[in-house]
N, C-alpha and C. Protein backbone atom coordinates (compact mmCIF):
# COMPACT_ATOMS: atom_id res chain seq x y z
N MET A 1 75.07 71.13 132.75
CA MET A 1 76.38 71.49 133.32
C MET A 1 77.27 70.27 133.46
N ALA A 2 78.54 70.51 133.30
CA ALA A 2 79.55 69.43 133.37
C ALA A 2 80.74 69.83 134.22
N LEU A 3 81.61 68.94 134.49
CA LEU A 3 82.90 69.24 135.13
C LEU A 3 83.98 69.16 134.12
N VAL A 4 84.76 70.24 133.97
CA VAL A 4 85.82 70.29 132.99
C VAL A 4 87.14 70.59 133.76
N MET A 5 88.06 69.69 133.63
CA MET A 5 89.39 69.82 134.24
C MET A 5 90.42 70.00 133.25
N PHE A 6 91.35 70.96 133.47
CA PHE A 6 92.37 71.33 132.46
C PHE A 6 93.74 71.06 132.97
N ASP A 7 94.56 70.49 132.11
CA ASP A 7 95.98 70.52 132.32
C ASP A 7 96.41 72.01 132.15
N TYR A 8 97.62 72.32 132.60
CA TYR A 8 98.04 73.71 132.57
C TYR A 8 99.08 73.98 131.48
N ASP A 9 100.29 73.34 131.68
CA ASP A 9 101.36 73.55 130.75
C ASP A 9 100.96 72.89 129.38
N GLY A 10 101.09 73.69 128.33
CA GLY A 10 100.78 73.20 126.98
C GLY A 10 99.32 73.27 126.58
N VAL A 11 98.47 73.57 127.56
CA VAL A 11 97.07 73.77 127.25
C VAL A 11 96.66 75.22 127.43
N ILE A 12 97.03 75.77 128.57
CA ILE A 12 96.72 77.14 128.89
C ILE A 12 97.91 78.07 128.64
N VAL A 13 99.09 77.68 129.14
CA VAL A 13 100.25 78.52 129.05
C VAL A 13 101.30 77.86 128.11
N ASP A 14 101.93 78.73 127.31
CA ASP A 14 102.97 78.32 126.34
C ASP A 14 104.32 78.24 127.09
N SER A 15 104.55 77.11 127.76
CA SER A 15 105.68 77.09 128.69
C SER A 15 106.74 76.10 128.35
N LEU A 16 106.68 75.50 127.13
CA LEU A 16 107.59 74.38 126.88
C LEU A 16 109.03 74.70 126.97
N ASP A 17 109.48 75.84 126.35
CA ASP A 17 110.90 76.15 126.35
C ASP A 17 111.41 76.45 127.76
N VAL A 18 110.61 77.23 128.50
CA VAL A 18 110.98 77.51 129.91
C VAL A 18 110.97 76.22 130.77
N PHE A 19 109.99 75.35 130.57
CA PHE A 19 109.95 74.12 131.36
C PHE A 19 111.16 73.29 131.06
N ILE A 20 111.47 73.08 129.81
CA ILE A 20 112.62 72.23 129.44
C ILE A 20 113.88 72.80 130.03
N SER A 21 114.14 74.03 129.92
CA SER A 21 115.36 74.69 130.41
C SER A 21 115.48 74.56 131.89
N ARG A 22 114.44 74.95 132.64
CA ARG A 22 114.51 75.00 134.08
C ARG A 22 114.41 73.58 134.68
N PHE A 23 113.58 72.71 134.13
CA PHE A 23 113.45 71.35 134.64
C PHE A 23 114.75 70.58 134.43
N SER A 24 115.36 70.76 133.27
CA SER A 24 116.63 70.13 132.98
C SER A 24 117.71 70.55 133.94
N GLN A 25 117.73 71.89 134.28
CA GLN A 25 118.73 72.38 135.23
C GLN A 25 118.49 71.82 136.60
N ALA A 26 117.21 71.74 137.01
CA ALA A 26 116.90 71.26 138.34
C ALA A 26 117.30 69.75 138.45
N CYS A 27 117.06 68.96 137.41
CA CYS A 27 117.51 67.59 137.39
C CYS A 27 118.99 67.43 137.49
N LEU A 28 119.69 68.22 136.70
CA LEU A 28 121.18 68.21 136.69
C LEU A 28 121.73 68.55 138.05
N GLU A 29 121.22 69.55 138.70
CA GLU A 29 121.70 70.00 139.98
C GLU A 29 121.42 68.95 141.05
N ASN A 30 120.49 68.12 140.88
CA ASN A 30 120.15 67.05 141.84
C ASN A 30 120.63 65.67 141.41
N GLY A 31 121.58 65.63 140.46
CA GLY A 31 122.28 64.39 140.17
C GLY A 31 121.67 63.49 139.12
N PHE A 32 120.59 63.95 138.49
CA PHE A 32 120.00 63.11 137.38
C PHE A 32 120.48 63.58 136.09
N LEU A 33 121.29 62.79 135.41
CA LEU A 33 121.98 63.20 134.19
C LEU A 33 121.39 62.59 132.90
N GLY A 34 120.11 62.12 133.01
CA GLY A 34 119.50 61.39 131.94
C GLY A 34 118.89 62.28 130.86
N ILE A 35 118.94 63.59 131.04
CA ILE A 35 118.37 64.53 130.05
C ILE A 35 119.47 65.08 129.18
N LYS A 36 119.50 64.68 127.93
CA LYS A 36 120.47 65.07 126.93
C LYS A 36 119.93 66.13 125.97
N GLU A 37 118.65 66.02 125.69
CA GLU A 37 118.05 66.96 124.74
C GLU A 37 116.56 67.13 125.05
N PRO A 38 115.92 68.11 124.45
CA PRO A 38 114.50 68.39 124.80
C PRO A 38 113.57 67.22 124.73
N LYS A 39 113.74 66.34 123.76
CA LYS A 39 112.81 65.22 123.62
C LYS A 39 112.84 64.29 124.82
N ASP A 40 113.98 64.29 125.53
CA ASP A 40 114.07 63.46 126.73
C ASP A 40 113.08 63.94 127.81
N VAL A 41 112.94 65.26 127.93
CA VAL A 41 111.99 65.79 128.88
C VAL A 41 110.53 65.51 128.44
N ILE A 42 110.27 65.78 127.13
CA ILE A 42 108.92 65.58 126.61
C ILE A 42 108.46 64.13 126.75
N SER A 43 109.44 63.18 126.64
CA SER A 43 109.06 61.79 126.75
C SER A 43 108.59 61.41 128.18
N PHE A 44 108.93 62.18 129.17
CA PHE A 44 108.40 61.88 130.48
C PHE A 44 106.85 61.93 130.56
N PHE A 45 106.29 62.63 129.62
CA PHE A 45 104.84 62.92 129.65
C PHE A 45 104.02 61.92 128.83
N GLU A 46 104.64 60.82 128.45
CA GLU A 46 103.86 59.74 127.79
C GLU A 46 103.04 58.95 128.78
N GLY A 47 103.36 59.13 130.05
CA GLY A 47 102.59 58.53 131.14
C GLY A 47 102.55 59.60 132.27
N ASN A 48 102.36 59.09 133.52
CA ASN A 48 102.52 60.04 134.60
C ASN A 48 103.95 60.44 134.75
N VAL A 49 104.22 61.76 134.75
CA VAL A 49 105.59 62.24 134.67
C VAL A 49 106.43 61.71 135.91
N TYR A 50 105.80 61.64 137.08
CA TYR A 50 106.52 61.25 138.30
C TYR A 50 106.79 59.74 138.32
N GLU A 51 105.81 58.96 137.89
CA GLU A 51 105.97 57.52 137.79
C GLU A 51 107.10 57.24 136.77
N THR A 52 107.12 57.97 135.62
CA THR A 52 108.20 57.77 134.61
C THR A 52 109.55 58.09 135.23
N MET A 53 109.67 59.20 136.00
CA MET A 53 110.94 59.54 136.64
C MET A 53 111.43 58.45 137.59
N ILE A 54 110.47 57.87 138.40
CA ILE A 54 110.85 56.77 139.27
C ILE A 54 111.31 55.55 138.51
N SER A 55 110.66 55.28 137.37
CA SER A 55 111.04 54.13 136.57
C SER A 55 112.42 54.29 135.93
N ARG A 56 112.89 55.55 135.89
CA ARG A 56 114.27 55.87 135.36
C ARG A 56 115.27 55.98 136.45
N GLY A 57 114.92 55.58 137.66
CA GLY A 57 115.87 55.48 138.71
C GLY A 57 115.96 56.67 139.62
N ILE A 58 115.03 57.61 139.55
CA ILE A 58 115.04 58.81 140.41
C ILE A 58 114.17 58.46 141.64
N THR A 59 114.73 58.65 142.82
CA THR A 59 113.95 58.37 144.07
C THR A 59 112.92 59.46 144.32
N GLU A 60 111.94 59.12 145.14
CA GLU A 60 110.89 60.09 145.47
C GLU A 60 111.46 61.31 146.20
N SER A 61 112.43 61.10 147.04
CA SER A 61 113.02 62.24 147.75
C SER A 61 113.78 63.11 146.81
N THR A 62 114.40 62.57 145.77
CA THR A 62 115.10 63.39 144.73
C THR A 62 114.11 64.15 143.89
N ILE A 63 113.01 63.45 143.58
CA ILE A 63 111.91 64.11 142.84
C ILE A 63 111.47 65.36 143.58
N ASP A 64 111.25 65.23 144.88
CA ASP A 64 110.78 66.33 145.67
C ASP A 64 111.82 67.48 145.69
N LYS A 65 113.09 67.14 145.69
CA LYS A 65 114.17 68.17 145.63
C LYS A 65 114.14 68.86 144.23
N ILE A 66 113.94 68.05 143.20
CA ILE A 66 113.86 68.60 141.90
C ILE A 66 112.68 69.57 141.73
N LEU A 67 111.55 69.18 142.30
CA LEU A 67 110.39 70.01 142.30
C LEU A 67 110.60 71.38 142.98
N LYS A 68 111.25 71.33 144.13
CA LYS A 68 111.46 72.54 144.89
C LYS A 68 112.45 73.43 144.18
N ARG A 69 113.44 72.84 143.61
CA ARG A 69 114.44 73.64 142.83
C ARG A 69 113.80 74.23 141.56
N TYR A 70 112.98 73.39 140.90
CA TYR A 70 112.32 73.86 139.71
C TYR A 70 111.38 75.01 140.03
N GLU A 71 110.75 74.96 141.17
CA GLU A 71 109.81 76.03 141.56
C GLU A 71 110.54 77.39 141.63
N LEU A 72 111.76 77.34 142.23
CA LEU A 72 112.54 78.55 142.39
C LEU A 72 113.04 79.08 141.01
N LEU A 73 113.48 78.14 140.17
CA LEU A 73 113.94 78.53 138.84
C LEU A 73 112.82 79.05 137.98
N GLN A 74 111.64 78.40 138.10
CA GLN A 74 110.48 78.84 137.34
C GLN A 74 110.05 80.20 137.75
N ASN A 75 110.04 80.52 139.03
CA ASN A 75 109.64 81.79 139.50
C ASN A 75 110.39 82.97 138.89
N GLU A 76 111.67 82.63 138.51
CA GLU A 76 112.53 83.70 137.88
C GLU A 76 111.98 83.98 136.43
N GLN A 77 111.18 83.07 135.89
CA GLN A 77 110.73 83.23 134.52
C GLN A 77 109.22 83.51 134.38
N LEU A 78 108.57 83.74 135.47
CA LEU A 78 107.08 83.85 135.44
C LEU A 78 106.65 84.95 134.48
N THR A 79 107.41 86.06 134.39
CA THR A 79 106.98 87.18 133.51
C THR A 79 107.18 86.82 132.01
N HIS A 80 107.92 85.74 131.78
CA HIS A 80 108.19 85.37 130.38
C HIS A 80 107.15 84.36 129.84
N LEU A 81 106.24 83.87 130.68
CA LEU A 81 105.28 82.92 130.24
C LEU A 81 104.07 83.60 129.79
N GLU A 82 103.52 83.13 128.70
CA GLU A 82 102.33 83.75 128.05
C GLU A 82 101.25 82.71 127.84
N LEU A 83 100.01 83.13 127.90
CA LEU A 83 98.88 82.26 127.52
C LEU A 83 98.87 82.04 126.02
N PHE A 84 98.36 80.86 125.60
CA PHE A 84 98.09 80.66 124.18
C PHE A 84 97.01 81.62 123.70
N ASN A 85 97.16 82.12 122.47
CA ASN A 85 96.18 83.02 121.93
C ASN A 85 94.83 82.40 121.95
N GLY A 86 93.85 83.15 122.49
CA GLY A 86 92.46 82.72 122.47
C GLY A 86 92.04 81.85 123.66
N ILE A 87 93.01 81.39 124.45
CA ILE A 87 92.62 80.44 125.52
C ILE A 87 91.89 81.14 126.64
N GLY A 88 92.28 82.40 126.97
CA GLY A 88 91.57 83.09 127.98
C GLY A 88 90.11 83.29 127.69
N GLU A 89 89.79 83.65 126.49
CA GLU A 89 88.38 83.84 126.09
C GLU A 89 87.66 82.53 126.16
N ALA A 90 88.33 81.46 125.66
CA ALA A 90 87.69 80.11 125.64
C ALA A 90 87.41 79.67 127.12
N LEU A 91 88.36 79.87 128.01
CA LEU A 91 88.12 79.47 129.40
C LEU A 91 86.99 80.19 130.04
N ASN A 92 86.87 81.44 129.76
CA ASN A 92 85.76 82.26 130.39
C ASN A 92 84.38 81.75 129.84
N LYS A 93 84.39 81.45 128.56
CA LYS A 93 83.09 80.94 127.94
C LYS A 93 82.72 79.58 128.58
N ILE A 94 83.73 78.69 128.71
CA ILE A 94 83.47 77.39 129.27
C ILE A 94 83.06 77.48 130.72
N ALA A 95 83.65 78.43 131.46
CA ALA A 95 83.37 78.57 132.88
C ALA A 95 81.95 79.08 133.11
N GLU A 96 81.41 79.78 132.14
CA GLU A 96 80.05 80.29 132.30
C GLU A 96 78.99 79.15 132.33
N LYS A 97 79.41 78.02 131.82
CA LYS A 97 78.45 76.92 131.63
C LYS A 97 78.76 75.72 132.53
N HIS A 98 80.07 75.63 132.87
CA HIS A 98 80.56 74.38 133.61
C HIS A 98 81.45 74.75 134.81
N HIS A 99 81.61 73.74 135.65
CA HIS A 99 82.58 73.84 136.78
C HIS A 99 83.96 73.58 136.17
N VAL A 100 84.93 74.48 136.36
CA VAL A 100 86.24 74.33 135.78
C VAL A 100 87.39 74.29 136.88
N TYR A 101 88.33 73.41 136.64
CA TYR A 101 89.43 73.28 137.58
C TYR A 101 90.71 73.12 136.74
N VAL A 102 91.84 73.37 137.40
CA VAL A 102 93.19 73.05 136.80
C VAL A 102 93.75 71.84 137.61
N ILE A 103 94.15 70.81 136.86
CA ILE A 103 94.81 69.65 137.45
C ILE A 103 96.18 69.56 136.75
N THR A 104 97.26 69.82 137.49
CA THR A 104 98.53 69.96 136.87
C THR A 104 99.65 69.21 137.55
N SER A 105 100.66 68.87 136.81
CA SER A 105 101.93 68.31 137.35
C SER A 105 102.82 69.47 137.84
N ASN A 106 102.47 70.65 137.57
CA ASN A 106 103.21 71.85 138.01
C ASN A 106 102.83 72.13 139.50
N LEU A 107 103.29 73.25 139.95
CA LEU A 107 103.04 73.63 141.34
C LEU A 107 101.86 74.66 141.43
N SER A 108 101.02 74.52 142.40
CA SER A 108 99.77 75.32 142.44
C SER A 108 100.02 76.79 142.53
N GLU A 109 100.92 77.27 143.35
CA GLU A 109 101.06 78.72 143.60
C GLU A 109 101.64 79.39 142.32
N ALA A 110 102.60 78.76 141.71
CA ALA A 110 103.17 79.35 140.47
C ALA A 110 102.11 79.39 139.35
N THR A 111 101.34 78.34 139.32
CA THR A 111 100.22 78.29 138.31
C THR A 111 99.20 79.44 138.55
N LYS A 112 98.84 79.55 139.83
CA LYS A 112 97.90 80.61 140.17
C LYS A 112 98.40 82.00 139.86
N GLN A 113 99.73 82.23 140.01
CA GLN A 113 100.31 83.50 139.73
C GLN A 113 100.22 83.88 138.29
N ILE A 114 100.52 82.95 137.45
CA ILE A 114 100.36 83.21 136.03
C ILE A 114 98.95 83.47 135.60
N LEU A 115 98.07 82.68 136.10
CA LEU A 115 96.62 82.87 135.76
C LEU A 115 96.16 84.25 136.21
N ASN A 116 96.54 84.60 137.47
CA ASN A 116 96.09 85.93 137.98
C ASN A 116 96.67 87.08 137.20
N CYS A 117 98.00 86.91 136.83
CA CYS A 117 98.65 87.95 136.06
C CYS A 117 97.97 88.17 134.70
N ASN A 118 97.37 87.12 134.24
CA ASN A 118 96.68 87.22 132.90
C ASN A 118 95.17 87.40 133.03
N GLY A 119 94.70 87.68 134.20
CA GLY A 119 93.28 88.03 134.40
C GLY A 119 92.39 86.82 134.35
N ILE A 120 92.94 85.60 134.57
CA ILE A 120 92.08 84.43 134.57
C ILE A 120 91.72 84.04 135.95
N ASP A 121 90.46 84.22 136.30
CA ASP A 121 89.98 83.94 137.65
C ASP A 121 88.72 83.06 137.67
N CYS A 122 88.59 82.25 136.59
CA CYS A 122 87.34 81.49 136.50
C CYS A 122 87.41 80.08 137.16
N PHE A 123 88.64 79.65 137.57
CA PHE A 123 88.79 78.33 138.09
C PHE A 123 88.33 78.18 139.53
N LYS A 124 87.62 77.16 139.83
CA LYS A 124 87.27 76.96 141.25
C LYS A 124 88.46 76.57 142.11
N ASP A 125 89.47 75.86 141.53
CA ASP A 125 90.67 75.56 142.26
C ASP A 125 91.75 75.13 141.27
N VAL A 126 93.02 75.18 141.76
CA VAL A 126 94.16 74.73 141.06
C VAL A 126 94.82 73.63 141.93
N ILE A 127 94.90 72.44 141.40
CA ILE A 127 95.42 71.30 142.20
C ILE A 127 96.74 70.84 141.57
N GLY A 128 97.85 71.14 142.26
CA GLY A 128 99.17 70.87 141.71
C GLY A 128 99.86 69.66 142.37
N ALA A 129 101.15 69.56 141.97
CA ALA A 129 101.99 68.38 142.35
C ALA A 129 102.25 68.31 143.84
N GLU A 130 102.32 69.49 144.52
CA GLU A 130 102.56 69.47 145.96
C GLU A 130 101.41 68.83 146.72
N LYS A 131 100.23 68.82 146.16
CA LYS A 131 99.12 68.24 146.85
C LYS A 131 99.00 66.75 146.62
N GLU A 132 99.30 66.29 145.36
CA GLU A 132 99.18 64.87 145.04
C GLU A 132 99.92 64.79 143.65
N LYS A 133 100.79 63.78 143.54
CA LYS A 133 101.54 63.61 142.28
C LYS A 133 100.73 62.86 141.23
N SER A 134 99.78 62.04 141.64
CA SER A 134 98.97 61.21 140.68
C SER A 134 97.86 62.10 140.12
N LYS A 135 97.87 62.32 138.86
CA LYS A 135 96.76 63.04 138.22
C LYS A 135 95.46 62.28 138.39
N ILE A 136 95.55 60.99 138.30
CA ILE A 136 94.34 60.18 138.41
C ILE A 136 93.65 60.42 139.79
N LYS A 137 94.41 60.43 140.82
CA LYS A 137 93.90 60.66 142.17
C LYS A 137 93.35 62.08 142.27
N LYS A 138 94.04 63.05 141.63
CA LYS A 138 93.56 64.42 141.70
C LYS A 138 92.23 64.58 140.97
N ILE A 139 92.18 63.96 139.78
CA ILE A 139 90.92 64.01 139.01
C ILE A 139 89.76 63.37 139.80
N LEU A 140 90.02 62.21 140.37
CA LEU A 140 88.99 61.52 141.11
C LEU A 140 88.52 62.35 142.31
N SER A 141 89.43 63.04 142.98
CA SER A 141 89.08 63.88 144.09
C SER A 141 88.12 64.99 143.72
N VAL A 142 88.35 65.59 142.52
CA VAL A 142 87.49 66.66 142.07
C VAL A 142 86.11 66.09 141.59
N ILE A 143 86.18 64.96 140.93
CA ILE A 143 84.92 64.33 140.55
C ILE A 143 84.02 64.05 141.73
N SER A 144 84.64 63.69 142.81
CA SER A 144 83.87 63.40 144.06
C SER A 144 83.16 64.58 144.61
N LEU A 145 83.60 65.80 144.20
CA LEU A 145 82.97 67.06 144.61
C LEU A 145 81.76 67.39 143.77
N HIS A 146 81.68 66.79 142.59
CA HIS A 146 80.55 67.06 141.63
C HIS A 146 80.03 65.78 141.10
N PRO A 147 79.44 64.94 141.92
CA PRO A 147 78.92 63.63 141.44
C PRO A 147 77.72 63.81 140.51
N GLY A 148 77.63 62.83 139.58
CA GLY A 148 76.44 62.76 138.77
C GLY A 148 76.39 63.66 137.56
N ILE A 149 77.51 64.28 137.25
CA ILE A 149 77.56 65.06 136.01
C ILE A 149 78.70 64.63 135.14
N PRO A 150 78.62 64.87 133.87
CA PRO A 150 79.72 64.48 132.98
C PRO A 150 80.98 65.14 133.37
N ALA A 151 82.13 64.37 133.18
CA ALA A 151 83.46 64.89 133.54
C ALA A 151 84.39 64.82 132.33
N TYR A 152 85.14 65.91 132.11
CA TYR A 152 86.10 65.93 130.98
C TYR A 152 87.48 66.29 131.52
N TYR A 153 88.49 65.75 130.86
CA TYR A 153 89.86 66.19 131.18
C TYR A 153 90.46 66.68 129.84
N VAL A 154 91.01 67.89 129.89
CA VAL A 154 91.58 68.50 128.70
C VAL A 154 93.13 68.52 128.87
N GLY A 155 93.86 67.87 127.90
CA GLY A 155 95.30 67.85 128.03
C GLY A 155 95.93 67.89 126.69
N ASP A 156 97.29 67.96 126.70
CA ASP A 156 98.03 68.11 125.47
C ASP A 156 99.09 66.97 125.25
N THR A 157 99.02 65.95 126.12
CA THR A 157 99.99 64.86 126.02
C THR A 157 99.31 63.48 126.05
N LYS A 158 100.05 62.49 125.53
CA LYS A 158 99.56 61.12 125.55
C LYS A 158 99.17 60.70 127.00
N GLY A 159 100.09 61.12 127.94
CA GLY A 159 99.89 60.71 129.28
C GLY A 159 98.65 61.34 129.88
N ASP A 160 98.35 62.59 129.48
CA ASP A 160 97.08 63.21 129.93
C ASP A 160 95.86 62.38 129.55
N MET A 161 95.90 61.88 128.31
CA MET A 161 94.72 61.14 127.78
C MET A 161 94.60 59.80 128.58
N ILE A 162 95.76 59.15 128.83
CA ILE A 162 95.72 57.88 129.52
C ILE A 162 95.20 58.06 130.97
N GLU A 163 95.72 59.10 131.64
CA GLU A 163 95.31 59.33 133.04
C GLU A 163 93.83 59.76 133.11
N GLY A 164 93.41 60.62 132.18
CA GLY A 164 92.04 61.06 132.22
C GLY A 164 91.09 59.87 132.01
N LYS A 165 91.43 58.91 131.13
CA LYS A 165 90.60 57.79 130.88
C LYS A 165 90.62 56.84 132.09
N HIS A 166 91.72 56.67 132.71
CA HIS A 166 91.82 55.82 133.86
C HIS A 166 90.98 56.37 135.02
N ALA A 167 90.79 57.67 135.02
CA ALA A 167 90.00 58.30 136.11
C ALA A 167 88.50 58.37 135.68
N GLY A 168 88.19 57.87 134.52
CA GLY A 168 86.75 57.81 134.15
C GLY A 168 86.21 59.00 133.40
N THR A 169 87.09 59.90 132.95
CA THR A 169 86.58 61.10 132.26
C THR A 169 86.56 60.88 130.79
N LYS A 170 85.77 61.74 130.08
CA LYS A 170 86.00 61.91 128.62
C LYS A 170 87.24 62.73 128.43
N THR A 171 88.03 62.40 127.48
CA THR A 171 89.35 63.15 127.31
C THR A 171 89.31 63.98 126.00
N ILE A 172 89.90 65.16 126.16
CA ILE A 172 89.95 66.07 125.04
C ILE A 172 91.47 66.44 124.83
N GLY A 173 91.98 66.05 123.69
CA GLY A 173 93.37 66.39 123.40
C GLY A 173 93.45 67.69 122.56
N VAL A 174 94.39 68.57 122.96
CA VAL A 174 94.57 69.77 122.20
C VAL A 174 95.88 69.71 121.46
N THR A 175 95.87 70.22 120.23
CA THR A 175 97.04 69.98 119.30
C THR A 175 98.03 71.16 119.33
N TRP A 176 97.88 72.19 120.19
CA TRP A 176 98.75 73.31 120.27
C TRP A 176 99.84 73.14 121.32
N GLY A 177 99.88 72.03 122.04
CA GLY A 177 100.76 71.86 123.13
C GLY A 177 102.04 71.07 122.95
N TRP A 178 102.44 70.25 123.88
CA TRP A 178 103.74 69.66 123.89
C TRP A 178 103.87 68.42 122.98
N HIS A 179 102.83 67.63 122.86
CA HIS A 179 102.87 66.39 122.04
C HIS A 179 102.18 66.67 120.72
N THR A 180 102.71 65.98 119.67
CA THR A 180 102.13 66.08 118.35
C THR A 180 100.74 65.39 118.38
N PRO A 181 99.89 65.74 117.37
CA PRO A 181 98.57 65.07 117.31
C PRO A 181 98.76 63.57 117.22
N GLU A 182 99.75 63.10 116.50
CA GLU A 182 99.96 61.67 116.39
C GLU A 182 100.29 61.01 117.73
N LYS A 183 101.06 61.70 118.49
CA LYS A 183 101.49 61.11 119.83
C LYS A 183 100.22 61.19 120.79
N ILE A 184 99.53 62.25 120.74
CA ILE A 184 98.26 62.36 121.55
C ILE A 184 97.33 61.29 121.20
N ASP A 185 97.19 60.97 119.92
CA ASP A 185 96.26 59.95 119.46
C ASP A 185 96.57 58.57 119.98
N GLU A 186 97.86 58.35 120.34
CA GLU A 186 98.26 57.07 120.99
C GLU A 186 97.49 56.83 122.31
N GLY A 187 97.06 57.96 122.92
CA GLY A 187 96.35 57.90 124.15
C GLY A 187 94.84 57.74 124.02
N ASN A 188 94.42 57.60 122.70
CA ASN A 188 92.98 57.40 122.39
C ASN A 188 92.06 58.47 122.94
N PRO A 189 92.27 59.74 122.70
CA PRO A 189 91.36 60.76 123.16
C PRO A 189 89.95 60.59 122.59
N ASP A 190 89.01 61.03 123.37
CA ASP A 190 87.61 61.01 122.83
C ASP A 190 87.41 62.10 121.83
N TYR A 191 88.12 63.18 122.00
CA TYR A 191 88.03 64.35 121.10
C TYR A 191 89.41 64.89 120.88
N LEU A 192 89.65 65.49 119.72
CA LEU A 192 90.92 66.19 119.44
C LEU A 192 90.54 67.55 118.83
N VAL A 193 91.05 68.59 119.43
CA VAL A 193 90.70 69.93 118.96
C VAL A 193 91.92 70.69 118.58
N ASN A 194 91.79 71.63 117.57
CA ASN A 194 92.99 72.31 117.04
C ASN A 194 93.12 73.79 117.39
N SER A 195 92.15 74.31 118.16
CA SER A 195 92.24 75.66 118.60
C SER A 195 91.37 75.90 119.86
N PRO A 196 91.74 76.90 120.65
CA PRO A 196 90.89 77.20 121.81
C PRO A 196 89.45 77.45 121.41
N GLU A 197 89.24 78.13 120.30
CA GLU A 197 87.88 78.37 119.84
C GLU A 197 87.12 77.13 119.61
N GLU A 198 87.79 76.08 119.00
CA GLU A 198 87.15 74.79 118.77
C GLU A 198 86.85 74.10 120.11
N LEU A 199 87.76 74.23 121.03
CA LEU A 199 87.51 73.63 122.37
C LEU A 199 86.28 74.28 123.06
N ALA A 200 86.20 75.59 122.99
CA ALA A 200 85.04 76.24 123.63
C ALA A 200 83.77 75.84 122.90
N ASP A 201 83.78 75.75 121.61
CA ASP A 201 82.62 75.33 120.84
C ASP A 201 82.14 73.97 121.22
N LEU A 202 83.09 73.06 121.36
CA LEU A 202 82.81 71.67 121.77
C LEU A 202 82.11 71.59 123.12
N LEU A 203 82.64 72.34 124.05
CA LEU A 203 82.21 72.28 125.49
C LEU A 203 80.98 73.15 125.74
N VAL A 204 80.83 74.23 125.02
CA VAL A 204 79.73 75.17 125.29
C VAL A 204 78.48 74.79 124.46
N ARG A 205 78.71 74.44 123.19
CA ARG A 205 77.60 74.23 122.30
C ARG A 205 77.31 72.72 122.14
N GLY A 206 78.38 71.92 122.47
CA GLY A 206 78.16 70.46 122.36
C GLY A 206 78.14 69.96 120.99
């Protein structure tokens, strides 16, 4: 048995278009004008998204306002978000063998709503941005609950790979999400998989 922690956006749910639209709007409404095109949003995820925002001159209080506004805007689009094909089946297979969690930069309740609407109830917990903005700290907190077993972090961005490694996990990059395989590879993932089926095979059969 192992501990497997999953990013949410771009790994489980196909949310890129909705995220870019609503996040850009939330930033604009709160005075951050640095987003001109989709790639500007995606570039935030080459490291920790919140640390990147601070480095671009956004204060922590403004980030909190952006998050709250984004949550409201995202809730309007919840019914438009869909899981990636095959990921539900893969998650259930993985959960039969391992402890599974969601570690996300998104918000916990919105994440839980989408998972529940799609019949996904295999996760022990969903740990979102309102609990802690640092993915490294969130990953370490979950590892502390399951000491002595292998730990994996599954993500779709270069930043996910960097943060997972800093937290001491094996990292698995998925190629169906927000970053290209080439960009993910810059984060030196331990594994790179091209489909949910391949992900399940790696974690269930080893």
